[in-house]
Amino acid sequence: MSGIVEVDGLAKRYDGGFEALKGVDLSIREGEILALLGPNGAGKTTLISTICGITVPTDGAVRVGGHDVVRDFRAARRMIGLVPQEINLEPFEKVRDTVAFSRGLFGAPRDDAKVAAVLEALSLTDKAGSQIKELSGGMKRRVLIAKALSHDPKVLFLDEPTAGVDVELRRGMWEVVAELKRRGVTIILTTHYIEEAEAIADRIAVISKGRILLVEEKDALMARMGRKEMVLELSEPLDALPPALRASGLALGADGSSLRYVYDVHAERTGITRLLSDLQAAGIRVRDVTTRQSSLEEIFTGLVDHDAREAAE
């Protein structure tokens, strides 16, 4: 079954030969939250701009709800809401009016109740009559989201939506995103806050140097590529690892009171049983043991670093 957004062989080359996108294939499912991760300059914003019809592709095709974004631009664009990185709002316009105006740009009829509902969902009701210039940076970003939602899009692109937003407002936006998902809106999120992707995304796509490195279910990705770290708190500190343990993969903590051991949870043998036996044989007593799963940020960093090494070879 095809996705609500289909990207086939998408390429974007600029004068001078720079390739921002290199044959990108991507299928986005209806009603999912897809987190698009990548370092600065990876091609995230170019990909979003091309899907939204802002940037014209050099090669390839993009369809939104079955509508080609070049040949059937108006129908495709009506299905899309876009929250850009840049805050570009008319400073003297009132919040209510700027959201209503955005709705009209897409040919939607006037609907004051709809505009009021969007403002309420984003905690902007008490700011409806305020001028944009009177708002904080975080509130201005909420207005951008309200504008993007004003015409009831089926697909919402959030390009770094919480940049410069404090933790409380960021969590509030996560709740808004979760509610939009419950209503069936497809959401594509780019972010530098890896915890956002880890908290709310269904799938993760990683882009680097204009190429998609992978697209995978978030939980499956973390299970497949994640590692676990075991920290052993010692009853008595060590000055150094005994010679018999130096090849075991153990790392001694800075204060000598703990040992760290990293292992693959999916390996046939984790080496934990042998490790504990070796510790006992060396006369090292363990007071407590804790484990920690590697985070999505560590997985993401590893993927991008691996891609950079391959490119350099």
C-alpha atoms as a PDB file:
ATOM      1  CA  MET A   1       0.000   0.000   0.000  1.00  0.00           C
ATOM      2  CA  SER A   2       1.401   3.404  -0.985  1.00  0.00           C
ATOM      3  CA  GLY A   3       1.982   6.114   1.601  1.00  0.00           C
ATOM      4  CA  ILE A   4       0.302   9.491   1.823  1.00  0.00           C
ATOM      5  CA  VAL A   5       3.677  10.977   0.771  1.00  0.00           C
ATOM      6  CA  GLU A   6       5.739   9.142  -1.856  1.00  0.00           C
ATOM      7  CA  VAL A   7       9.231  10.316  -2.819  1.00  0.00           C
ATOM      8  CA  ASP A   8      10.885   8.501  -5.747  1.00  0.00           C
ATOM      9  CA  GLY A   9      14.467   9.081  -6.865  1.00  0.00           C
ATOM     10  CA  LEU A  10      14.409  12.702  -5.735  1.00  0.00           C
ATOM     11  CA  ALA A  11      17.485  14.751  -6.631  1.00  0.00           C
ATOM     12  CA  LYS A  12      18.270  18.435  -6.288  1.00  0.00           C
ATOM     13  CA  ARG A  13      21.361  19.948  -7.904  1.00  0.00           C
ATOM     14  CA  TYR A  14      22.250  23.617  -7.807  1.00  0.00           C
ATOM     15  CA  ASP A  15      24.315  25.723 -10.201  1.00  0.00           C
ATOM     16  CA  GLY A  16      27.918  24.868  -9.552  1.00  0.00           C
ATOM     17  CA  GLY A  17      27.191  21.172  -9.182  1.00  0.00           C
ATOM     18  CA  PHE A  18      26.305  20.917  -5.483  1.00  0.00           C
ATOM     19  CA  GLU A  19      23.905  18.027  -4.862  1.00  0.00           C
ATOM     20  CA  ALA A  20      21.617  18.701  -1.905  1.00  0.00           C
ATOM     21  CA  LEU A  21      19.586  15.532  -2.518  1.00  0.00           C
ATOM     22  CA  LYS A  22      20.917  12.375  -4.162  1.00  0.00           C
ATOM     23  CA  GLY A  23      18.219   9.979  -5.343  1.00  0.00           C
ATOM     24  CA  VAL A  24      16.048  10.028  -2.199  1.00  0.00           C
ATOM     25  CA  ASP A  25      13.357   7.349  -1.890  1.00  0.00           C
ATOM     26  CA  LEU A  26      10.913   7.714   0.983  1.00  0.00           C
ATOM     27  CA  SER A  27       7.389   6.508   1.726  1.00  0.00           C
ATOM     28  CA  ILE A  28       5.526   8.178   4.595  1.00  0.00           C
ATOM     29  CA  ARG A  29       2.520   6.358   5.997  1.00  0.00           C
ATOM     30  CA  GLU A  30      -0.792   8.075   6.690  1.00  0.00           C
ATOM     31  CA  GLY A  31      -1.240   8.979  10.348  1.00  0.00           C
ATOM     32  CA  GLU A  32       2.329   8.335  11.475  1.00  0.00           C
ATOM     33  CA  ILE A  33       4.916  10.593  13.072  1.00  0.00           C
ATOM     34  CA  LEU A  34       8.181  10.362  11.147  1.00  0.00           C
ATOM     35  CA  ALA A  35      11.266  11.990  12.653  1.00  0.00           C
ATOM     36  CA  LEU A  36      13.788  13.094  10.040  1.00  0.00           C
ATOM     37  CA  LEU A  37      17.202  13.297  11.659  1.00  0.00           C
ATOM     38  CA  GLY A  38      20.441  14.541  10.203  1.00  0.00           C
ATOM     39  CA  PRO A  39      23.347  16.906  10.883  1.00  0.00           C
ATOM     40  CA  ASN A  40      23.407  20.484   9.606  1.00  0.00           C
ATOM     41  CA  GLY A  41      23.609  20.512   5.804  1.00  0.00           C
ATOM     42  CA  ALA A  42      22.340  16.921   5.499  1.00  0.00           C
ATOM     43  CA  GLY A  43      19.441  17.924   3.210  1.00  0.00           C
ATOM     44  CA  LYS A  44      16.525  17.926   5.675  1.00  0.00           C
ATOM     45  CA  THR A  45      15.173  21.362   4.808  1.00  0.00           C
ATOM     46  CA  THR A  46      15.749  20.859   1.073  1.00  0.00           C
ATOM     47  CA  LEU A  47      13.787  17.604   1.187  1.00  0.00           C
ATOM     48  CA  ILE A  48      10.887  19.239   3.040  1.00  0.00           C
ATOM     49  CA  SER A  49      10.920  22.280   0.733  1.00  0.00           C
ATOM     50  CA  THR A  50      10.786  20.029  -2.328  1.00  0.00           C
ATOM     51  CA  ILE A  51       7.908  17.933  -0.990  1.00  0.00           C
ATOM     52  CA  CYS A  52       6.037  21.162  -0.193  1.00  0.00           C
ATOM     53  CA  GLY A  53       6.592  22.514  -3.696  1.00  0.00           C
ATOM     54  CA  ILE A  54       8.811  25.391  -2.590  1.00  0.00           C
ATOM     55  CA  THR A  55      11.907  23.961  -4.278  1.00  0.00           C
ATOM     56  CA  VAL A  56      11.719  22.466  -7.786  1.00  0.00           C
ATOM     57  CA  PRO A  57      13.415  19.041  -8.020  1.00  0.00           C
ATOM     58  CA  THR A  58      16.109  18.349 -10.578  1.00  0.00           C
ATOM     59  CA  ASP A  59      15.081  14.707 -10.960  1.00  0.00           C
ATOM     60  CA  GLY A  60      12.583  12.318  -9.450  1.00  0.00           C
ATOM     61  CA  ALA A  61       8.972  12.714  -8.375  1.00  0.00           C
ATOM     62  CA  VAL A  62       6.974  13.538  -5.246  1.00  0.00           C
ATOM     63  CA  ARG A  63       3.294  12.749  -4.679  1.00  0.00           C
ATOM     64  CA  VAL A  64       1.160  13.870  -1.739  1.00  0.00           C
ATOM     65  CA  GLY A  65      -2.166  12.079  -1.471  1.00  0.00           C
ATOM     66  CA  GLY A  66      -1.595  10.878  -5.028  1.00  0.00           C
ATOM     67  CA  HIS A  67      -1.087  14.435  -6.357  1.00  0.00           C
ATOM     68  CA  ASP A  68       2.203  15.242  -8.091  1.00  0.00           C
ATOM     69  CA  VAL A  69       3.724  18.302  -6.390  1.00  0.00           C
ATOM     70  CA  VAL A  70       4.825  19.761  -9.745  1.00  0.00           C
ATOM     71  CA  ARG A  71       2.008  18.843 -12.169  1.00  0.00           C
ATOM     72  CA  ASP A  72      -0.819  19.111  -9.614  1.00  0.00           C
ATOM     73  CA  PHE A  73       0.665  21.682  -7.268  1.00  0.00           C
ATOM     74  CA  ARG A  74      -2.522  23.231  -5.901  1.00  0.00           C
ATOM     75  CA  ALA A  75      -4.143  19.955  -4.857  1.00  0.00           C
ATOM     76  CA  ALA A  76      -0.911  18.690  -3.311  1.00  0.00           C
ATOM     77  CA  ARG A  77      -0.235  21.925  -1.441  1.00  0.00           C
ATOM     78  CA  ARG A  78      -3.742  22.045   0.017  1.00  0.00           C
ATOM     79  CA  MET A  79      -2.970  18.787   1.812  1.00  0.00           C
ATOM     80  CA  ILE A  80       0.189  20.186   3.430  1.00  0.00           C
ATOM     81  CA  GLY A  81       0.843  22.375   6.425  1.00  0.00           C
ATOM     82  CA  LEU A  82       4.388  23.668   6.892  1.00  0.00           C
ATOM     83  CA  VAL A  83       5.987  25.135   9.995  1.00  0.00           C
ATOM     84  CA  PRO A  84       9.326  26.591   8.830  1.00  0.00           C
ATOM     85  CA  GLN A  85      12.447  27.139  10.909  1.00  0.00           C
ATOM     86  CA  GLU A  86      12.405  30.896  10.426  1.00  0.00           C
ATOM     87  CA  ILE A  87       9.900  33.056  12.296  1.00  0.00           C
ATOM     88  CA  ASN A  88       8.579  35.253   9.484  1.00  0.00           C
ATOM     89  CA  LEU A  89       5.437  36.968  10.734  1.00  0.00           C
ATOM     90  CA  GLU A  90       3.923  40.407  10.207  1.00  0.00           C
ATOM     91  CA  PRO A  91       4.769  42.149  13.511  1.00  0.00           C
ATOM     92  CA  PHE A  92       1.724  44.468  13.603  1.00  0.00           C
ATOM     93  CA  GLU A  93      -0.838  41.796  12.639  1.00  0.00           C
ATOM     94  CA  LYS A  94      -3.064  40.349  15.330  1.00  0.00           C
ATOM     95  CA  VAL A  95      -2.711  36.646  16.089  1.00  0.00           C
ATOM     96  CA  ARG A  96      -6.317  35.826  15.212  1.00  0.00           C
ATOM     97  CA  ASP A  97      -6.123  37.678  11.890  1.00  0.00           C
ATOM     98  CA  THR A  98      -2.844  36.160  10.746  1.00  0.00           C
ATOM     99  CA  VAL A  99      -4.181  32.636  11.327  1.00  0.00           C
ATOM    100  CA  ALA A 100      -7.453  33.420   9.553  1.00  0.00           C
ATOM    101  CA  PHE A 101      -5.552  34.957   6.616  1.00  0.00           C
ATOM    102  CA  SER A 102      -3.477  31.784   6.192  1.00  0.00           C
ATOM    103  CA  ARG A 103      -6.698  29.780   6.015  1.00  0.00           C
ATOM    104  CA  GLY A 104      -7.942  32.030   3.216  1.00  0.00           C
ATOM    105  CA  LEU A 105      -4.720  31.598   1.233  1.00  0.00           C
ATOM    106  CA  PHE A 106      -5.666  27.953   0.676  1.00  0.00           C
ATOM    107  CA  GLY A 107      -9.170  28.795  -0.503  1.00  0.00           C
ATOM    108  CA  ALA A 108     -10.833  27.628   2.711  1.00  0.00           C
ATOM    109  CA  PRO A 109     -13.987  29.562   3.650  1.00  0.00           C
ATOM    110  CA  ARG A 110     -14.032  31.848   6.644  1.00  0.00           C
ATOM    111  CA  ASP A 111     -14.569  29.878   9.843  1.00  0.00           C
ATOM    112  CA  ASP A 112     -14.070  31.853  13.040  1.00  0.00           C
ATOM    113  CA  ALA A 113     -14.901  28.797  15.165  1.00  0.00           C
ATOM    114  CA  LYS A 114     -12.178  26.770  13.454  1.00  0.00           C
ATOM    115  CA  VAL A 115      -9.609  29.527  13.963  1.00  0.00           C
ATOM    116  CA  ALA A 116     -10.628  29.800  17.623  1.00  0.00           C
ATOM    117  CA  ALA A 117     -10.273  26.022  18.055  1.00  0.00           C
ATOM    118  CA  VAL A 118      -6.763  26.038  16.563  1.00  0.00           C
ATOM    119  CA  LEU A 119      -5.720  28.894  18.848  1.00  0.00           C
ATOM    120  CA  GLU A 120      -7.159  27.101  21.870  1.00  0.00           C
ATOM    121  CA  ALA A 121      -5.334  23.863  21.017  1.00  0.00           C
ATOM    122  CA  LEU A 122      -2.060  25.792  21.022  1.00  0.00           C
ATOM    123  CA  SER A 123      -2.818  27.800  24.191  1.00  0.00           C
ATOM    124  CA  LEU A 124      -3.062  31.015  22.196  1.00  0.00           C
ATOM    125  CA  THR A 125      -6.640  31.997  23.049  1.00  0.00           C
ATOM    126  CA  ASP A 126      -5.607  34.755  25.448  1.00  0.00           C
ATOM    127  CA  LYS A 127      -3.212  36.107  22.786  1.00  0.00           C
ATOM    128  CA  ALA A 128      -5.777  36.121  19.945  1.00  0.00           C
ATOM    129  CA  GLY A 129      -6.125  39.913  19.983  1.00  0.00           C
ATOM    130  CA  SER A 130      -2.429  40.627  20.560  1.00  0.00           C
ATOM    131  CA  GLN A 131      -0.066  41.888  17.892  1.00  0.00           C
ATOM    132  CA  ILE A 132       2.675  39.490  16.854  1.00  0.00           C
ATOM    133  CA  LYS A 133       5.371  41.912  18.034  1.00  0.00           C
ATOM    134  CA  GLU A 134       4.046  41.591  21.594  1.00  0.00           C
ATOM    135  CA  LEU A 135       4.666  37.828  21.748  1.00  0.00           C
ATOM    136  CA  SER A 136       7.649  35.884  23.060  1.00  0.00           C
ATOM    137  CA  GLY A 137       9.714  33.750  20.683  1.00  0.00           C
ATOM    138  CA  GLY A 138       8.007  30.594  21.891  1.00  0.00           C
ATOM    139  CA  MET A 139       4.541  32.049  21.362  1.00  0.00           C
ATOM    140  CA  LYS A 140       5.484  33.231  17.869  1.00  0.00           C
ATOM    141  CA  ARG A 141       6.467  29.680  17.034  1.00  0.00           C
ATOM    142  CA  ARG A 142       3.072  28.503  18.241  1.00  0.00           C
ATOM    143  CA  VAL A 143       1.477  31.020  15.884  1.00  0.00           C
ATOM    144  CA  LEU A 144       3.454  29.460  13.029  1.00  0.00           C
ATOM    145  CA  ILE A 145       1.966  26.073  13.918  1.00  0.00           C
ATOM    146  CA  ALA A 146      -1.522  27.603  14.128  1.00  0.00           C
ATOM    147  CA  LYS A 147      -1.092  29.120  10.648  1.00  0.00           C
ATOM    148  CA  ALA A 148       0.008  25.732   9.286  1.00  0.00           C
ATOM    149  CA  LEU A 149      -3.064  24.033  10.782  1.00  0.00           C
ATOM    150  CA  SER A 150      -5.577  26.702   9.765  1.00  0.00           C
ATOM    151  CA  HIS A 151      -6.712  24.943   6.552  1.00  0.00           C
ATOM    152  CA  ASP A 152      -6.969  21.411   8.047  1.00  0.00           C
ATOM    153  CA  PRO A 153      -3.962  19.823   6.298  1.00  0.00           C
ATOM    154  CA  LYS A 154      -3.603  16.037   6.157  1.00  0.00           C
ATOM    155  CA  VAL A 155       0.209  16.248   6.290  1.00  0.00           C
ATOM    156  CA  LEU A 156       2.083  18.559   8.661  1.00  0.00           C
ATOM    157  CA  PHE A 157       5.789  19.336   8.323  1.00  0.00           C
ATOM    158  CA  LEU A 158       7.501  20.672  11.439  1.00  0.00           C
ATOM    159  CA  ASP A 159      10.976  21.957  10.576  1.00  0.00           C
ATOM    160  CA  GLU A 160      12.759  22.457  13.923  1.00  0.00           C
ATOM    161  CA  PRO A 161       9.489  23.585  15.570  1.00  0.00           C
ATOM    162  CA  THR A 162      10.844  23.873  19.109  1.00  0.00           C
ATOM    163  CA  ALA A 163      14.096  25.697  18.375  1.00  0.00           C
ATOM    164  CA  GLY A 164      14.462  28.405  20.998  1.00  0.00           C
ATOM    165  CA  VAL A 165      11.444  27.189  22.963  1.00  0.00           C
ATOM    166  CA  ASP A 166      11.777  26.508  26.677  1.00  0.00           C
ATOM    167  CA  VAL A 167      11.284  23.010  28.081  1.00  0.00           C
ATOM    168  CA  GLU A 168       7.729  23.623  29.321  1.00  0.00           C
ATOM    169  CA  LEU A 169       6.501  24.968  25.987  1.00  0.00           C
ATOM    170  CA  ARG A 170       8.346  22.190  24.151  1.00  0.00           C
ATOM    171  CA  ARG A 171       6.499  19.545  26.130  1.00  0.00           C
ATOM    172  CA  GLY A 172       3.251  21.368  25.459  1.00  0.00           C
ATOM    173  CA  MET A 173       3.953  21.179  21.741  1.00  0.00           C
ATOM    174  CA  TRP A 174       4.632  17.463  22.030  1.00  0.00           C
ATOM    175  CA  GLU A 175       1.143  17.100  23.488  1.00  0.00           C
ATOM    176  CA  VAL A 176      -0.295  19.073  20.555  1.00  0.00           C
ATOM    177  CA  VAL A 177       1.557  16.818  18.109  1.00  0.00           C
ATOM    178  CA  ALA A 178       0.263  13.702  19.869  1.00  0.00           C
ATOM    179  CA  GLU A 179      -3.303  15.026  19.636  1.00  0.00           C
ATOM    180  CA  LEU A 180      -2.879  15.759  15.909  1.00  0.00           C
ATOM    181  CA  LYS A 181      -1.710  12.185  15.402  1.00  0.00           C
ATOM    182  CA  ARG A 182      -4.813  10.920  17.216  1.00  0.00           C
ATOM    183  CA  ARG A 183      -6.868  12.957  14.730  1.00  0.00           C
ATOM    184  CA  GLY A 184      -5.137  11.188  11.835  1.00  0.00           C
ATOM    185  CA  VAL A 185      -2.731  13.940  10.746  1.00  0.00           C
ATOM    186  CA  THR A 186       0.544  12.681   9.299  1.00  0.00           C
ATOM    187  CA  ILE A 187       3.495  14.502  10.873  1.00  0.00           C
ATOM    188  CA  ILE A 188       7.050  14.821   9.622  1.00  0.00           C
ATOM    189  CA  LEU A 189       9.372  16.301  12.222  1.00  0.00           C
ATOM    190  CA  THR A 190      12.927  17.524  11.828  1.00  0.00           C
ATOM    191  CA  THR A 191      14.692  18.297  15.063  1.00  0.00           C
ATOM    192  CA  HIS A 192      18.037  18.786  16.748  1.00  0.00           C
ATOM    193  CA  TYR A 193      16.487  17.601  20.004  1.00  0.00           C
ATOM    194  CA  ILE A 194      16.931  13.854  19.744  1.00  0.00           C
ATOM    195  CA  GLU A 195      14.730  13.340  22.798  1.00  0.00           C
ATOM    196  CA  GLU A 196      11.799  14.692  20.767  1.00  0.00           C
ATOM    197  CA  ALA A 197      12.188  11.927  18.212  1.00  0.00           C
ATOM    198  CA  GLU A 198      12.664   9.355  20.940  1.00  0.00           C
ATOM    199  CA  ALA A 199       9.556  10.568  22.793  1.00  0.00           C
ATOM    200  CA  ILE A 200       6.978  10.940  20.022  1.00  0.00           C
ATOM    201  CA  ALA A 201       8.106   9.397  16.707  1.00  0.00           C
ATOM    202  CA  ASP A 202       6.781   6.143  15.263  1.00  0.00           C
ATOM    203  CA  ARG A 203       9.588   5.822  12.720  1.00  0.00           C
ATOM    204  CA  ILE A 204      13.020   7.351  12.309  1.00  0.00           C
ATOM    205  CA  ALA A 205      14.597   8.411   9.017  1.00  0.00           C
ATOM    206  CA  VAL A 206      18.264   9.397   9.014  1.00  0.00           C
ATOM    207  CA  ILE A 207      19.596  11.604   6.221  1.00  0.00           C
ATOM    208  CA  SER A 208      23.235  12.470   5.631  1.00  0.00           C
ATOM    209  CA  LYS A 209      24.888  14.243   2.691  1.00  0.00           C
ATOM    210  CA  GLY A 210      21.640  14.190   0.712  1.00  0.00           C
ATOM    211  CA  ARG A 211      21.033  10.455   1.074  1.00  0.00           C
ATOM    212  CA  ILE A 212      18.626   8.530   3.279  1.00  0.00           C
ATOM    213  CA  LEU A 213      20.707   6.140   5.384  1.00  0.00           C
ATOM    214  CA  LEU A 214      17.759   4.259   6.835  1.00  0.00           C
ATOM    215  CA  VAL A 215      14.058   4.394   7.648  1.00  0.00           C
ATOM    216  CA  GLU A 216      12.948   2.152  10.470  1.00  0.00           C
ATOM    217  CA  GLU A 217      10.478   1.768  13.311  1.00  0.00           C
ATOM    218  CA  LYS A 218      11.928   3.629  16.289  1.00  0.00           C
ATOM    219  CA  ASP A 219      11.580   0.747  18.738  1.00  0.00           C
ATOM    220  CA  ALA A 220      12.974  -1.770  16.253  1.00  0.00           C
ATOM    221  CA  LEU A 221      15.915   0.501  15.471  1.00  0.00           C
ATOM    222  CA  MET A 222      16.819   0.896  19.109  1.00  0.00           C
ATOM    223  CA  ALA A 223      16.430  -2.830  19.712  1.00  0.00           C
ATOM    224  CA  ARG A 224      18.525  -3.719  16.653  1.00  0.00           C
ATOM    225  CA  MET A 225      21.293  -1.205  17.017  1.00  0.00           C
ATOM    226  CA  GLY A 226      21.173  -0.287  20.689  1.00  0.00           C
ATOM    227  CA  ARG A 227      23.728  -1.469  23.157  1.00  0.00           C
ATOM    228  CA  LYS A 228      23.505  -1.837  26.884  1.00  0.00           C
ATOM    229  CA  GLU A 229      25.930  -0.525  29.421  1.00  0.00           C
ATOM    230  CA  MET A 230      26.383  -2.283  32.744  1.00  0.00           C
ATOM    231  CA  VAL A 231      27.857  -0.318  35.637  1.00  0.00           C
ATOM    232  CA  LEU A 232      29.218  -2.284  38.574  1.00  0.00           C
ATOM    233  CA  GLU A 233      29.594  -0.354  41.812  1.00  0.00           C
ATOM    234  CA  LEU A 234      32.523  -1.790  43.789  1.00  0.00           C
ATOM    235  CA  SER A 235      32.645  -2.427  47.512  1.00  0.00           C
ATOM    236  CA  GLU A 236      36.204  -1.081  47.573  1.00  0.00           C
ATOM    237  CA  PRO A 237      37.838   1.232  45.008  1.00  0.00           C
ATOM    238  CA  LEU A 238      40.627   0.060  42.711  1.00  0.00           C
ATOM    239  CA  ASP A 239      43.782   1.910  41.769  1.00  0.00           C
ATOM    240  CA  ALA A 240      43.919   0.036  38.463  1.00  0.00           C
ATOM    241  CA  LEU A 241      42.413  -2.948  36.714  1.00  0.00           C
ATOM    242  CA  PRO A 242      44.169  -6.239  37.574  1.00  0.00           C
ATOM    243  CA  PRO A 243      46.174  -7.563  34.594  1.00  0.00           C
ATOM    244  CA  ALA A 244      43.833 -10.558  34.241  1.00  0.00           C
ATOM    245  CA  LEU A 245      40.887  -8.224  33.527  1.00  0.00           C
ATOM    246  CA  ARG A 246      42.481  -5.756  31.116  1.00  0.00           C
ATOM    247  CA  ALA A 247      41.348  -7.683  28.035  1.00  0.00           C
ATOM    248  CA  SER A 248      37.757  -8.121  29.261  1.00  0.00           C
ATOM    249  CA  GLY A 249      36.353  -4.871  27.858  1.00  0.00           C
ATOM    250  CA  LEU A 250      36.000  -3.328  31.297  1.00  0.00           C
ATOM    251  CA  ALA A 251      36.619   0.359  31.907  1.00  0.00           C
ATOM    252  CA  LEU A 252      37.499   1.655  35.359  1.00  0.00           C
ATOM    253  CA  GLY A 253      35.659   4.763  36.550  1.00  0.00           C
ATOM    254  CA  ALA A 254      37.623   7.939  37.242  1.00  0.00           C
ATOM    255  CA  ASP A 255      37.384   7.502  40.999  1.00  0.00           C
ATOM    256  CA  GLY A 256      38.089   3.761  40.849  1.00  0.00           C
ATOM    257  CA  SER A 257      34.825   2.881  42.565  1.00  0.00           C
ATOM    258  CA  SER A 258      32.980   1.531  39.519  1.00  0.00           C
ATOM    259  CA  LEU A 259      33.495  -0.571  36.409  1.00  0.00           C
ATOM    260  CA  ARG A 260      31.713  -0.091  33.080  1.00  0.00           C
ATOM    261  CA  TYR A 261      30.970  -2.914  30.651  1.00  0.00           C
ATOM    262  CA  VAL A 262      29.244  -2.421  27.257  1.00  0.00           C
ATOM    263  CA  TYR A 263      27.596  -5.366  25.524  1.00  0.00           C
ATOM    264  CA  ASP A 264      25.191  -6.266  22.724  1.00  0.00           C
ATOM    265  CA  VAL A 265      21.891  -7.540  24.113  1.00  0.00           C
ATOM    266  CA  HIS A 266      21.282  -9.546  20.928  1.00  0.00           C
ATOM    267  CA  ALA A 267      24.626 -11.331  20.892  1.00  0.00           C
ATOM    268  CA  GLU A 268      24.595 -15.089  21.420  1.00  0.00           C
ATOM    269  CA  ARG A 269      26.847 -14.514  24.414  1.00  0.00           C
ATOM    270  CA  THR A 270      27.064 -11.215  26.278  1.00  0.00           C
ATOM    271  CA  GLY A 271      30.121 -12.273  28.293  1.00  0.00           C
ATOM    272  CA  ILE A 272      28.465 -11.223  31.564  1.00  0.00           C
ATOM    273  CA  THR A 273      28.669 -14.665  33.190  1.00  0.00           C
ATOM    274  CA  ARG A 274      32.380 -14.982  32.394  1.00  0.00           C
ATOM    275  CA  LEU A 275      32.983 -11.409  33.558  1.00  0.00           C
ATOM    276  CA  LEU A 276      31.383 -11.951  36.959  1.00  0.00           C
ATOM    277  CA  SER A 277      33.362 -15.136  37.405  1.00  0.00           C
ATOM    278  CA  ASP A 278      36.617 -13.332  36.563  1.00  0.00           C
ATOM    279  CA  LEU A 279      35.789 -10.560  39.032  1.00  0.00           C
ATOM    280  CA  GLN A 280      35.213 -13.103  41.778  1.00  0.00           C
ATOM    281  CA  ALA A 281      38.467 -14.881  40.927  1.00  0.00           C
ATOM    282  CA  ALA A 282      40.302 -11.536  41.156  1.00  0.00           C
ATOM    283  CA  GLY A 283      38.821 -10.915  44.615  1.00  0.00           C
ATOM    284  CA  ILE A 284      36.790  -7.906  43.459  1.00  0.00           C
ATOM    285  CA  ARG A 285      33.494  -7.558  45.284  1.00  0.00           C
ATOM    286  CA  VAL A 286      30.535  -5.858  43.581  1.00  0.00           C
ATOM    287  CA  ARG A 287      28.144  -3.809  45.734  1.00  0.00           C
ATOM    288  CA  ASP A 288      25.523  -2.979  43.091  1.00  0.00           C
ATOM    289  CA  VAL A 289      24.811  -3.426  39.364  1.00  0.00           C
ATOM    290  CA  THR A 290      22.829  -1.126  37.062  1.00  0.00           C
ATOM    291  CA  THR A 291      22.207  -1.250  33.309  1.00  0.00           C
ATOM    292  CA  ARG A 292      21.356   1.449  30.776  1.00  0.00           C
ATOM    293  CA  GLN A 293      20.108   1.135  27.192  1.00  0.00           C
ATOM    294  CA  SER A 294      21.932   3.287  24.642  1.00  0.00           C
ATOM    295  CA  SER A 295      19.888   6.294  23.543  1.00  0.00           C
ATOM    296  CA  LEU A 296      18.639   7.210  20.091  1.00  0.00           C
ATOM    297  CA  GLU A 297      21.169  10.057  20.069  1.00  0.00           C
ATOM    298  CA  GLU A 298      24.052   7.599  20.416  1.00  0.00           C
ATOM    299  CA  ILE A 299      22.607   5.418  17.639  1.00  0.00           C
ATOM    300  CA  PHE A 300      22.105   8.432  15.358  1.00  0.00           C
ATOM    301  CA  THR A 301      25.617   9.733  15.977  1.00  0.00           C
ATOM    302  CA  GLY A 302      27.059   6.318  15.225  1.00  0.00           C
ATOM    303  CA  LEU A 303      25.199   6.078  11.902  1.00  0.00           C
ATOM    304  CA  VAL A 304      26.291   9.523  10.731  1.00  0.00           C
ATOM    305  CA  ASP A 305      29.897   8.950  11.832  1.00  0.00           C
ATOM    306  CA  HIS A 306      29.946   5.631   9.971  1.00  0.00           C
ATOM    307  CA  ASP A 307      28.612   7.317   6.815  1.00  0.00           C
ATOM    308  CA  ALA A 308      31.284  10.029   7.082  1.00  0.00           C
ATOM    309  CA  ARG A 309      34.040   7.421   7.432  1.00  0.00           C
ATOM    310  CA  GLU A 310      32.763   5.522   4.395  1.00  0.00           C
ATOM    311  CA  ALA A 311      32.641   8.719   2.337  1.00  0.00           C
ATOM    312  CA  ALA A 312      36.242   9.518   3.288  1.00  0.00           C
ATOM    313  CA  GLU A 313      37.550   6.108   2.235  1.00  0.00           C
END
